[in-house]
Amino acid sequence: MLEQAANRIGTAMFGVPCSFMDRLVEFYDMTAAVGPFEEAGASSIALFTPFYFDGWSDVARQRENRRSLILHNIIRARFDLLTRPFLDGLRIDTRLSSLCDASDQQIDDAFTLWLTLHEMMHASGPMPLFAEPGHKLSLGMDYGPVEEMRTDMSAFVALGVLEGELGERARLAQELVLAERLLRSVRVGNALDPEANGIGKSLDGEHGCLWAAALHVSGALRVEAGQMHVDWEDAHAAVRVVLGDIYAGESAARNSLDAPQELSNQAAGLRRKVFTESGQGYALPVALERHYRTVTGPDRIVLTFQDC
């Protein structure tokens, strides 16, 4: 259904139809690890066309980097241990999140909707941008967290576009995005980087901090008496503004003579806009920094596959 809705999503978000480049997103409960994935500590929750898994019947999709594997059991264990215990600290339009009363099946469905759209949106850049297939730039930690936020925010907006078909499932998935980023990811990113004395560099952590800071700077997120308050309509407006800037920057980079440098400049500009300078790096706005400093609990989850 999501693939079939690509044109409508593109028209609603960008004014033109878009394509997900026939990307396939698959969900697995993994109980074993192999190859480089195992050697890296099996720490990922998503595998982007893992070359060390062979034997696919559709080898063309594997060869063209159009497959994503999502490790469902690790995602759920991480949510249950690192996000769910903090849900009472998040208010959306003055009420607790619907996630507090959601069933396990509803949460699983919300993850599936969100992460499928998230992975599909990776097909759009940085580059190509909803056009013919092409070589995606590998930009590492300089631009990686920005792309992760872009795909997240694009999925967030797309879920709103599909609310007519998906009903309450779309809203629950959107609230899951906010909860995972504002209650979990940001705690990882806010851990002090010993070299930069600021936000630690990780795809998950820094892009959570980008979410929190961007919403805070816009006024859609505020902290009062130890609670985080999100204004739903303002959050949607803020996300659209951020996305507009990012997509405009990526389009400009596509047409520039030095696309990696242009994207690096765009990422630096976004960080300066929403973060505060700290040593050689960046930190959260003061109000958010003070809030997260008081939040106690584990920031990361380390599991073996037997634990899952």
C-alpha atoms as a PDB file:
ATOM      1  CA  MET A   1       0.000   0.000   0.000  1.00  0.00           C
ATOM      2  CA  LEU A   2       2.819   2.413   0.848  1.00  0.00           C
ATOM      3  CA  GLU A   3       4.547   1.786  -2.477  1.00  0.00           C
ATOM      4  CA  GLN A   4       1.283   2.398  -4.311  1.00  0.00           C
ATOM      5  CA  ALA A   5       0.827   5.666  -2.435  1.00  0.00           C
ATOM      6  CA  ALA A   6       4.251   7.009  -3.463  1.00  0.00           C
ATOM      7  CA  ASN A   7       2.900   9.321  -6.147  1.00  0.00           C
ATOM      8  CA  ARG A   8       0.295  10.798  -3.808  1.00  0.00           C
ATOM      9  CA  ILE A   9       2.825  11.228  -1.018  1.00  0.00           C
ATOM     10  CA  GLY A  10       5.180  12.999  -3.401  1.00  0.00           C
ATOM     11  CA  THR A  11       2.485  15.270  -4.760  1.00  0.00           C
ATOM     12  CA  ALA A  12       1.313  16.236  -1.270  1.00  0.00           C
ATOM     13  CA  MET A  13       4.817  16.826   0.076  1.00  0.00           C
ATOM     14  CA  PHE A  14       6.746  18.154  -2.917  1.00  0.00           C
ATOM     15  CA  GLY A  15       4.192  19.079  -5.554  1.00  0.00           C
ATOM     16  CA  VAL A  16       5.372  16.293  -7.873  1.00  0.00           C
ATOM     17  CA  PRO A  17       4.974  12.491  -7.805  1.00  0.00           C
ATOM     18  CA  CYS A  18       7.851  10.565  -6.286  1.00  0.00           C
ATOM     19  CA  SER A  19       9.216   7.051  -6.481  1.00  0.00           C
ATOM     20  CA  PHE A  20      10.741   4.786  -3.843  1.00  0.00           C
ATOM     21  CA  MET A  21      12.896   3.118  -6.517  1.00  0.00           C
ATOM     22  CA  ASP A  22      11.305  -0.283  -5.892  1.00  0.00           C
ATOM     23  CA  ARG A  23      12.957  -0.496  -2.464  1.00  0.00           C
ATOM     24  CA  LEU A  24      12.067  -3.597  -0.454  1.00  0.00           C
ATOM     25  CA  VAL A  25      11.809  -3.341   3.342  1.00  0.00           C
ATOM     26  CA  GLU A  26      11.735  -6.626   5.260  1.00  0.00           C
ATOM     27  CA  PHE A  27      11.263  -7.279   8.989  1.00  0.00           C
ATOM     28  CA  TYR A  28      12.944 -10.176  10.785  1.00  0.00           C
ATOM     29  CA  ASP A  29      13.326 -11.557  14.289  1.00  0.00           C
ATOM     30  CA  MET A  30      17.033 -12.380  14.131  1.00  0.00           C
ATOM     31  CA  THR A  31      18.458 -15.053  16.407  1.00  0.00           C
ATOM     32  CA  ALA A  32      21.945 -15.306  14.879  1.00  0.00           C
ATOM     33  CA  ALA A  33      24.546 -12.957  13.446  1.00  0.00           C
ATOM     34  CA  VAL A  34      27.033 -13.560  10.627  1.00  0.00           C
ATOM     35  CA  GLY A  35      29.872 -11.903   8.776  1.00  0.00           C
ATOM     36  CA  PRO A  36      30.773  -8.232   9.277  1.00  0.00           C
ATOM     37  CA  PHE A  37      27.506  -7.723  11.154  1.00  0.00           C
ATOM     38  CA  GLU A  38      28.640 -10.174  13.823  1.00  0.00           C
ATOM     39  CA  GLU A  39      32.172  -8.747  13.885  1.00  0.00           C
ATOM     40  CA  ALA A  40      30.778  -5.258  14.559  1.00  0.00           C
ATOM     41  CA  GLY A  41      29.011  -6.528  17.656  1.00  0.00           C
ATOM     42  CA  ALA A  42      25.652  -7.027  15.920  1.00  0.00           C
ATOM     43  CA  SER A  43      24.629  -3.606  17.181  1.00  0.00           C
ATOM     44  CA  SER A  44      22.535  -2.376  14.236  1.00  0.00           C
ATOM     45  CA  ILE A  45      18.760  -2.438  14.198  1.00  0.00           C
ATOM     46  CA  ALA A  46      18.579  -2.035  10.408  1.00  0.00           C
ATOM     47  CA  LEU A  47      20.771  -3.439   7.653  1.00  0.00           C
ATOM     48  CA  PHE A  48      20.975  -1.496   4.405  1.00  0.00           C
ATOM     49  CA  THR A  49      21.410  -4.109   1.625  1.00  0.00           C
ATOM     50  CA  PRO A  50      23.804  -6.308   3.625  1.00  0.00           C
ATOM     51  CA  PHE A  51      26.215  -7.676   1.033  1.00  0.00           C
ATOM     52  CA  TYR A  52      27.281 -10.572   3.262  1.00  0.00           C
ATOM     53  CA  PHE A  53      23.817 -12.170   3.132  1.00  0.00           C
ATOM     54  CA  ASP A  54      23.556 -14.033  -0.142  1.00  0.00           C
ATOM     55  CA  GLY A  55      21.142 -16.419  -1.793  1.00  0.00           C
ATOM     56  CA  TRP A  56      18.447 -13.847  -2.611  1.00  0.00           C
ATOM     57  CA  SER A  57      16.023 -14.864  -5.364  1.00  0.00           C
ATOM     58  CA  ASP A  58      15.862 -11.267  -6.634  1.00  0.00           C
ATOM     59  CA  VAL A  59      19.595 -10.624  -6.974  1.00  0.00           C
ATOM     60  CA  ALA A  60      19.053  -7.426  -9.000  1.00  0.00           C
ATOM     61  CA  ARG A  61      17.549  -5.640  -6.006  1.00  0.00           C
ATOM     62  CA  GLN A  62      20.445  -6.785  -3.834  1.00  0.00           C
ATOM     63  CA  ARG A  63      23.038  -5.687  -6.413  1.00  0.00           C
ATOM     64  CA  GLU A  64      21.435  -2.257  -6.812  1.00  0.00           C
ATOM     65  CA  ASN A  65      21.256  -1.555  -3.043  1.00  0.00           C
ATOM     66  CA  ARG A  66      17.461  -1.529  -2.862  1.00  0.00           C
ATOM     67  CA  ARG A  67      16.856  -3.760   0.157  1.00  0.00           C
ATOM     68  CA  SER A  68      16.550  -2.917   3.857  1.00  0.00           C
ATOM     69  CA  LEU A  69      16.355  -5.474   6.644  1.00  0.00           C
ATOM     70  CA  ILE A  70      14.790  -4.322   9.917  1.00  0.00           C
ATOM     71  CA  LEU A  71      15.522  -6.373  13.046  1.00  0.00           C
ATOM     72  CA  HIS A  72      12.148  -6.255  14.752  1.00  0.00           C
ATOM     73  CA  ASN A  73      13.018  -8.052  17.976  1.00  0.00           C
ATOM     74  CA  ILE A  74      15.908  -5.702  18.738  1.00  0.00           C
ATOM     75  CA  ILE A  75      13.803  -2.628  17.969  1.00  0.00           C
ATOM     76  CA  ARG A  76      11.052  -3.789  20.326  1.00  0.00           C
ATOM     77  CA  ALA A  77      13.497  -4.693  23.101  1.00  0.00           C
ATOM     78  CA  ARG A  78      15.104  -1.265  22.779  1.00  0.00           C
ATOM     79  CA  PHE A  79      11.740   0.507  22.892  1.00  0.00           C
ATOM     80  CA  ASP A  80      10.535  -1.504  25.883  1.00  0.00           C
ATOM     81  CA  LEU A  81      13.699  -0.842  27.897  1.00  0.00           C
ATOM     82  CA  LEU A  82      14.728   2.663  26.845  1.00  0.00           C
ATOM     83  CA  THR A  83      11.602   4.505  25.669  1.00  0.00           C
ATOM     84  CA  ARG A  84       8.502   3.060  27.270  1.00  0.00           C
ATOM     85  CA  PRO A  85       9.593   3.787  30.890  1.00  0.00           C
ATOM     86  CA  PHE A  86       9.861   7.508  30.034  1.00  0.00           C
ATOM     87  CA  LEU A  87       6.500   7.957  28.273  1.00  0.00           C
ATOM     88  CA  ASP A  88       4.962   9.659  31.296  1.00  0.00           C
ATOM     89  CA  GLY A  89       7.423  12.519  30.761  1.00  0.00           C
ATOM     90  CA  LEU A  90       5.949  13.415  27.356  1.00  0.00           C
ATOM     91  CA  ARG A  91       2.764  15.408  26.843  1.00  0.00           C
ATOM     92  CA  ILE A  92       1.215  15.932  23.412  1.00  0.00           C
ATOM     93  CA  ASP A  93      -1.326  18.755  23.473  1.00  0.00           C
ATOM     94  CA  THR A  94      -1.408  18.413  27.293  1.00  0.00           C
ATOM     95  CA  ARG A  95      -2.246  14.691  27.302  1.00  0.00           C
ATOM     96  CA  LEU A  96      -0.153  11.559  27.647  1.00  0.00           C
ATOM     97  CA  SER A  97       0.837   9.861  24.403  1.00  0.00           C
ATOM     98  CA  SER A  98      -1.520   7.227  23.009  1.00  0.00           C
ATOM     99  CA  LEU A  99       1.451   4.855  23.209  1.00  0.00           C
ATOM    100  CA  CYS A 100       0.806   4.536  26.951  1.00  0.00           C
ATOM    101  CA  ASP A 101      -2.383   2.548  26.336  1.00  0.00           C
ATOM    102  CA  ALA A 102      -1.418   0.912  23.039  1.00  0.00           C
ATOM    103  CA  SER A 103      -1.248  -2.863  22.775  1.00  0.00           C
ATOM    104  CA  ASP A 104       1.913  -4.692  21.740  1.00  0.00           C
ATOM    105  CA  GLN A 105       0.360  -5.394  18.342  1.00  0.00           C
ATOM    106  CA  GLN A 106      -0.503  -1.727  17.828  1.00  0.00           C
ATOM    107  CA  ILE A 107       3.049  -0.711  18.687  1.00  0.00           C
ATOM    108  CA  ASP A 108       4.450  -3.346  16.323  1.00  0.00           C
ATOM    109  CA  ASP A 109       2.192  -2.026  13.546  1.00  0.00           C
ATOM    110  CA  ALA A 110       3.303   1.538  14.289  1.00  0.00           C
ATOM    111  CA  PHE A 111       6.958   0.553  14.020  1.00  0.00           C
ATOM    112  CA  THR A 112       6.275  -1.203  10.727  1.00  0.00           C
ATOM    113  CA  LEU A 113       4.554   1.836   9.225  1.00  0.00           C
ATOM    114  CA  TRP A 114       7.152   4.324  10.420  1.00  0.00           C
ATOM    115  CA  LEU A 115      10.305   2.358   9.601  1.00  0.00           C
ATOM    116  CA  THR A 116       9.050   1.173   6.213  1.00  0.00           C
ATOM    117  CA  LEU A 117       8.454   4.774   5.180  1.00  0.00           C
ATOM    118  CA  HIS A 118      11.761   5.815   6.765  1.00  0.00           C
ATOM    119  CA  GLU A 119      13.711   3.267   4.711  1.00  0.00           C
ATOM    120  CA  MET A 120      11.816   4.100   1.518  1.00  0.00           C
ATOM    121  CA  MET A 121      12.626   7.771   1.960  1.00  0.00           C
ATOM    122  CA  HIS A 122      16.332   6.918   1.960  1.00  0.00           C
ATOM    123  CA  ALA A 123      15.889   6.263  -1.764  1.00  0.00           C
ATOM    124  CA  SER A 124      15.459   9.997  -2.319  1.00  0.00           C
ATOM    125  CA  GLY A 125      18.910  11.168  -1.301  1.00  0.00           C
ATOM    126  CA  PRO A 126      21.341  12.434  -0.855  1.00  0.00           C
ATOM    127  CA  MET A 127      21.094  11.883  -4.203  1.00  0.00           C
ATOM    128  CA  PRO A 128      19.160  11.161  -6.353  1.00  0.00           C
ATOM    129  CA  LEU A 129      16.070  13.086  -5.311  1.00  0.00           C
ATOM    130  CA  PHE A 130      12.965  11.218  -6.503  1.00  0.00           C
ATOM    131  CA  ALA A 131      14.444  10.822  -9.960  1.00  0.00           C
ATOM    132  CA  GLU A 132      16.238   8.172 -11.986  1.00  0.00           C
ATOM    133  CA  PRO A 133      18.320   5.669  -9.991  1.00  0.00           C
ATOM    134  CA  GLY A 134      21.831   6.904  -9.339  1.00  0.00           C
ATOM    135  CA  HIS A 135      24.769   6.594  -7.003  1.00  0.00           C
ATOM    136  CA  LYS A 136      24.030   7.713  -3.452  1.00  0.00           C
ATOM    137  CA  LEU A 137      26.773   9.757  -1.862  1.00  0.00           C
ATOM    138  CA  SER A 138      28.453   8.281   1.206  1.00  0.00           C
ATOM    139  CA  LEU A 139      28.901  11.228   3.557  1.00  0.00           C
ATOM    140  CA  GLY A 140      29.525   9.560   6.898  1.00  0.00           C
ATOM    141  CA  MET A 141      28.928  11.374  10.169  1.00  0.00           C
ATOM    142  CA  ASP A 142      29.154  14.823   8.584  1.00  0.00           C
ATOM    143  CA  TYR A 143      25.784  14.512   6.844  1.00  0.00           C
ATOM    144  CA  GLY A 144      24.491  11.120   8.002  1.00  0.00           C
ATOM    145  CA  PRO A 145      22.523  12.404  11.038  1.00  0.00           C
ATOM    146  CA  VAL A 146      20.877  15.051   8.850  1.00  0.00           C
ATOM    147  CA  GLU A 147      19.795  12.432   6.332  1.00  0.00           C
ATOM    148  CA  GLU A 148      18.431  10.258   9.131  1.00  0.00           C
ATOM    149  CA  MET A 149      16.397  13.211  10.396  1.00  0.00           C
ATOM    150  CA  ARG A 150      15.238  13.987   6.863  1.00  0.00           C
ATOM    151  CA  THR A 151      13.965  10.453   6.306  1.00  0.00           C
ATOM    152  CA  ASP A 152      12.345  10.432   9.759  1.00  0.00           C
ATOM    153  CA  MET A 153      10.623  13.766   9.232  1.00  0.00           C
ATOM    154  CA  SER A 154       9.563  12.757   5.717  1.00  0.00           C
ATOM    155  CA  ALA A 155       7.979   9.603   7.128  1.00  0.00           C
ATOM    156  CA  PHE A 156       6.298  11.712   9.832  1.00  0.00           C
ATOM    157  CA  VAL A 157       4.715  13.986   7.208  1.00  0.00           C
ATOM    158  CA  ALA A 158       3.837  11.076   4.908  1.00  0.00           C
ATOM    159  CA  LEU A 159       1.966   9.379   7.746  1.00  0.00           C
ATOM    160  CA  GLY A 160      -0.154  12.509   8.036  1.00  0.00           C
ATOM    161  CA  VAL A 161      -0.863  12.373   4.298  1.00  0.00           C
ATOM    162  CA  LEU A 162      -2.051   8.770   4.682  1.00  0.00           C
ATOM    163  CA  GLU A 163      -4.181   9.348   7.766  1.00  0.00           C
ATOM    164  CA  GLY A 164      -7.372   8.972   5.725  1.00  0.00           C
ATOM    165  CA  GLU A 165      -6.506   5.363   4.879  1.00  0.00           C
ATOM    166  CA  LEU A 166      -4.613   4.433   8.025  1.00  0.00           C
ATOM    167  CA  GLY A 167      -6.762   6.182  10.618  1.00  0.00           C
ATOM    168  CA  GLU A 168      -5.498   6.038  14.206  1.00  0.00           C
ATOM    169  CA  ARG A 169      -2.560   3.854  13.134  1.00  0.00           C
ATOM    170  CA  ALA A 170      -0.995   6.836  11.375  1.00  0.00           C
ATOM    171  CA  ARG A 171      -1.258   9.066  14.444  1.00  0.00           C
ATOM    172  CA  LEU A 172       0.154   6.347  16.714  1.00  0.00           C
ATOM    173  CA  ALA A 173       3.126   5.875  14.374  1.00  0.00           C
ATOM    174  CA  GLN A 174       3.758   9.628  14.391  1.00  0.00           C
ATOM    175  CA  GLU A 175       3.693   9.708  18.189  1.00  0.00           C
ATOM    176  CA  LEU A 176       6.104   6.771  18.183  1.00  0.00           C
ATOM    177  CA  VAL A 177       8.552   8.805  16.091  1.00  0.00           C
ATOM    178  CA  LEU A 178       8.409  11.644  18.613  1.00  0.00           C
ATOM    179  CA  ALA A 179       8.752   9.328  21.600  1.00  0.00           C
ATOM    180  CA  GLU A 180      11.716   7.427  20.191  1.00  0.00           C
ATOM    181  CA  ARG A 181      13.565  10.587  19.220  1.00  0.00           C
ATOM    182  CA  LEU A 182      12.697  12.873  22.156  1.00  0.00           C
ATOM    183  CA  LEU A 183      12.810  10.268  24.917  1.00  0.00           C
ATOM    184  CA  ARG A 184      15.545   7.887  23.743  1.00  0.00           C
ATOM    185  CA  SER A 185      17.751   8.990  20.825  1.00  0.00           C
ATOM    186  CA  VAL A 186      18.425  12.410  22.269  1.00  0.00           C
ATOM    187  CA  ARG A 187      19.806  10.841  25.466  1.00  0.00           C
ATOM    188  CA  VAL A 188      22.388   8.982  23.389  1.00  0.00           C
ATOM    189  CA  GLY A 189      23.384  12.091  21.468  1.00  0.00           C
ATOM    190  CA  ASN A 190      23.465  14.314  24.521  1.00  0.00           C
ATOM    191  CA  ALA A 191      26.215  12.218  26.107  1.00  0.00           C
ATOM    192  CA  LEU A 192      29.320  14.354  26.174  1.00  0.00           C
ATOM    193  CA  ASP A 193      31.815  13.769  23.396  1.00  0.00           C
ATOM    194  CA  PRO A 194      35.208  13.816  25.218  1.00  0.00           C
ATOM    195  CA  GLU A 195      36.875  15.534  22.264  1.00  0.00           C
ATOM    196  CA  ALA A 196      34.187  18.058  21.366  1.00  0.00           C
ATOM    197  CA  ASN A 197      32.601  18.511  24.821  1.00  0.00           C
ATOM    198  CA  GLY A 198      29.202  18.526  23.217  1.00  0.00           C
ATOM    199  CA  ILE A 199      26.761  16.313  21.346  1.00  0.00           C
ATOM    200  CA  GLY A 200      28.246  12.906  20.650  1.00  0.00           C
ATOM    201  CA  LYS A 201      28.567  11.828  17.048  1.00  0.00           C
ATOM    202  CA  SER A 202      26.247   8.959  16.176  1.00  0.00           C
ATOM    203  CA  LEU A 203      23.568   8.590  13.533  1.00  0.00           C
ATOM    204  CA  ASP A 204      20.891   7.759  16.083  1.00  0.00           C
ATOM    205  CA  GLY A 205      22.045  10.141  18.816  1.00  0.00           C
ATOM    206  CA  GLU A 206      22.767  13.343  16.947  1.00  0.00           C
ATOM    207  CA  HIS A 207      19.690  13.065  14.794  1.00  0.00           C
ATOM    208  CA  GLY A 208      17.587  12.698  17.955  1.00  0.00           C
ATOM    209  CA  CYS A 209      19.183  15.902  19.222  1.00  0.00           C
ATOM    210  CA  LEU A 210      18.399  17.589  15.907  1.00  0.00           C
ATOM    211  CA  TRP A 211      14.734  16.626  16.338  1.00  0.00           C
ATOM    212  CA  ALA A 212      14.573  18.015  19.871  1.00  0.00           C
ATOM    213  CA  ALA A 213      16.472  21.212  19.105  1.00  0.00           C
ATOM    214  CA  ALA A 214      14.549  21.964  15.900  1.00  0.00           C
ATOM    215  CA  LEU A 215      11.178  21.577  17.640  1.00  0.00           C
ATOM    216  CA  HIS A 216      12.379  23.592  20.631  1.00  0.00           C
ATOM    217  CA  VAL A 217      13.720  26.480  18.528  1.00  0.00           C
ATOM    218  CA  SER A 218      10.403  26.639  16.665  1.00  0.00           C
ATOM    219  CA  GLY A 219       8.415  26.781  19.926  1.00  0.00           C
ATOM    220  CA  ALA A 220       6.684  23.443  19.263  1.00  0.00           C
ATOM    221  CA  LEU A 221       8.544  21.791  22.167  1.00  0.00           C
ATOM    222  CA  ARG A 222       8.903  23.259  25.630  1.00  0.00           C
ATOM    223  CA  VAL A 223       9.980  21.957  29.021  1.00  0.00           C
ATOM    224  CA  GLU A 224       7.957  22.687  32.139  1.00  0.00           C
ATOM    225  CA  ALA A 225       8.330  21.144  35.608  1.00  0.00           C
ATOM    226  CA  GLY A 226      10.315  18.213  34.259  1.00  0.00           C
ATOM    227  CA  GLN A 227       7.777  17.424  31.524  1.00  0.00           C
ATOM    228  CA  MET A 228       8.231  17.750  27.775  1.00  0.00           C
ATOM    229  CA  HIS A 229       5.254  19.387  26.056  1.00  0.00           C
ATOM    230  CA  VAL A 230       4.689  19.114  22.307  1.00  0.00           C
ATOM    231  CA  ASP A 231       2.123  21.207  20.456  1.00  0.00           C
ATOM    232  CA  TRP A 232       0.947  18.858  17.707  1.00  0.00           C
ATOM    233  CA  GLU A 233       0.058  21.407  15.028  1.00  0.00           C
ATOM    234  CA  ASP A 234       3.155  23.502  15.711  1.00  0.00           C
ATOM    235  CA  ALA A 235       5.305  20.371  15.505  1.00  0.00           C
ATOM    236  CA  HIS A 236       3.892  19.568  12.068  1.00  0.00           C
ATOM    237  CA  ALA A 237       4.574  23.113  10.915  1.00  0.00           C
ATOM    238  CA  ALA A 238       8.125  23.048  12.277  1.00  0.00           C
ATOM    239  CA  VAL A 239       8.873  19.710  10.602  1.00  0.00           C
ATOM    240  CA  ARG A 240       7.674  21.023   7.253  1.00  0.00           C
ATOM    241  CA  VAL A 241       9.907  24.094   7.560  1.00  0.00           C
ATOM    242  CA  VAL A 242      12.970  22.003   8.401  1.00  0.00           C
ATOM    243  CA  LEU A 243      12.227  19.547   5.615  1.00  0.00           C
ATOM    244  CA  GLY A 244      11.758  22.371   3.113  1.00  0.00           C
ATOM    245  CA  ASP A 245      15.200  23.731   3.944  1.00  0.00           C
ATOM    246  CA  ILE A 246      16.858  20.308   3.773  1.00  0.00           C
ATOM    247  CA  TYR A 247      15.286  19.301   0.467  1.00  0.00           C
ATOM    248  CA  ALA A 248      16.106  22.695  -1.041  1.00  0.00           C
ATOM    249  CA  GLY A 249      19.694  22.263   0.097  1.00  0.00           C
ATOM    250  CA  GLU A 250      19.938  18.757  -1.362  1.00  0.00           C
ATOM    251  CA  SER A 251      18.476  19.928  -4.649  1.00  0.00           C
ATOM    252  CA  ALA A 252      21.051  22.728  -4.784  1.00  0.00           C
ATOM    253  CA  ALA A 253      23.817  20.241  -3.993  1.00  0.00           C
ATOM    254  CA  ARG A 254      22.685  17.989  -6.806  1.00  0.00           C
ATOM    255  CA  ASN A 255      23.245  20.806  -9.268  1.00  0.00           C
ATOM    256  CA  SER A 256      26.531  22.023  -7.762  1.00  0.00           C
ATOM    257  CA  LEU A 257      30.058  21.257  -8.914  1.00  0.00           C
ATOM    258  CA  ASP A 258      31.008  19.837  -5.493  1.00  0.00           C
ATOM    259  CA  ALA A 259      27.968  18.066  -4.070  1.00  0.00           C
ATOM    260  CA  PRO A 260      29.678  16.636  -0.931  1.00  0.00           C
ATOM    261  CA  GLN A 261      31.030  20.044   0.071  1.00  0.00           C
ATOM    262  CA  GLU A 262      27.676  21.719  -0.570  1.00  0.00           C
ATOM    263  CA  LEU A 263      25.889  19.150   1.600  1.00  0.00           C
ATOM    264  CA  SER A 264      28.530  19.557   4.306  1.00  0.00           C
ATOM    265  CA  ASN A 265      27.902  23.309   4.274  1.00  0.00           C
ATOM    266  CA  GLN A 266      24.147  22.728   4.488  1.00  0.00           C
ATOM    267  CA  ALA A 267      24.589  20.403   7.484  1.00  0.00           C
ATOM    268  CA  ALA A 268      26.824  22.900   9.272  1.00  0.00           C
ATOM    269  CA  GLY A 269      24.248  25.639   8.714  1.00  0.00           C
ATOM    270  CA  LEU A 270      21.471  23.510  10.204  1.00  0.00           C
ATOM    271  CA  ARG A 271      23.566  22.696  13.271  1.00  0.00           C
ATOM    272  CA  ARG A 272      24.369  26.367  13.836  1.00  0.00           C
ATOM    273  CA  LYS A 273      20.685  27.212  13.522  1.00  0.00           C
ATOM    274  CA  VAL A 274      19.346  24.794  16.142  1.00  0.00           C
ATOM    275  CA  PHE A 275      22.297  23.968  18.419  1.00  0.00           C
ATOM    276  CA  THR A 276      24.552  26.127  20.585  1.00  0.00           C
ATOM    277  CA  GLU A 277      28.325  26.002  20.219  1.00  0.00           C
ATOM    278  CA  SER A 278      30.193  23.948  22.811  1.00  0.00           C
ATOM    279  CA  GLY A 279      33.961  23.645  22.671  1.00  0.00           C
ATOM    280  CA  GLN A 280      34.782  22.333  19.219  1.00  0.00           C
ATOM    281  CA  GLY A 281      31.278  20.990  18.729  1.00  0.00           C
ATOM    282  CA  TYR A 282      27.638  21.691  19.529  1.00  0.00           C
ATOM    283  CA  ALA A 283      25.232  21.306  22.443  1.00  0.00           C
ATOM    284  CA  LEU A 284      21.475  21.350  22.924  1.00  0.00           C
ATOM    285  CA  PRO A 285      19.753  24.651  23.718  1.00  0.00           C
ATOM    286  CA  VAL A 286      20.223  25.446  27.406  1.00  0.00           C
ATOM    287  CA  ALA A 287      16.655  24.594  28.503  1.00  0.00           C
ATOM    288  CA  LEU A 288      16.843  21.159  26.878  1.00  0.00           C
ATOM    289  CA  GLU A 289      20.341  20.501  28.168  1.00  0.00           C
ATOM    290  CA  ARG A 290      19.175  21.202  31.711  1.00  0.00           C
ATOM    291  CA  HIS A 291      16.151  18.936  31.276  1.00  0.00           C
ATOM    292  CA  TYR A 292      18.016  15.942  29.898  1.00  0.00           C
ATOM    293  CA  ARG A 293      20.696  16.297  32.552  1.00  0.00           C
ATOM    294  CA  THR A 294      18.023  15.358  35.115  1.00  0.00           C
ATOM    295  CA  VAL A 295      16.708  12.329  33.201  1.00  0.00           C
ATOM    296  CA  THR A 296      18.193   9.182  34.699  1.00  0.00           C
ATOM    297  CA  GLY A 297      18.177   5.732  33.199  1.00  0.00           C
ATOM    298  CA  PRO A 298      20.098   3.684  30.630  1.00  0.00           C
ATOM    299  CA  ASP A 299      20.906   5.415  27.359  1.00  0.00           C
ATOM    300  CA  ARG A 300      21.864   2.367  25.333  1.00  0.00           C
ATOM    301  CA  ILE A 301      20.875  -1.245  25.103  1.00  0.00           C
ATOM    302  CA  VAL A 302      23.393  -4.047  24.658  1.00  0.00           C
ATOM    303  CA  LEU A 303      21.790  -7.352  23.797  1.00  0.00           C
ATOM    304  CA  THR A 304      22.879 -10.672  22.462  1.00  0.00           C
ATOM    305  CA  PHE A 305      20.512 -12.344  20.067  1.00  0.00           C
ATOM    306  CA  GLN A 306      19.765 -14.932  22.713  1.00  0.00           C
ATOM    307  CA  ASP A 307      18.357 -12.121  24.882  1.00  0.00           C
ATOM    308  CA  CYS A 308      15.845 -11.296  22.172  1.00  0.00           C
END
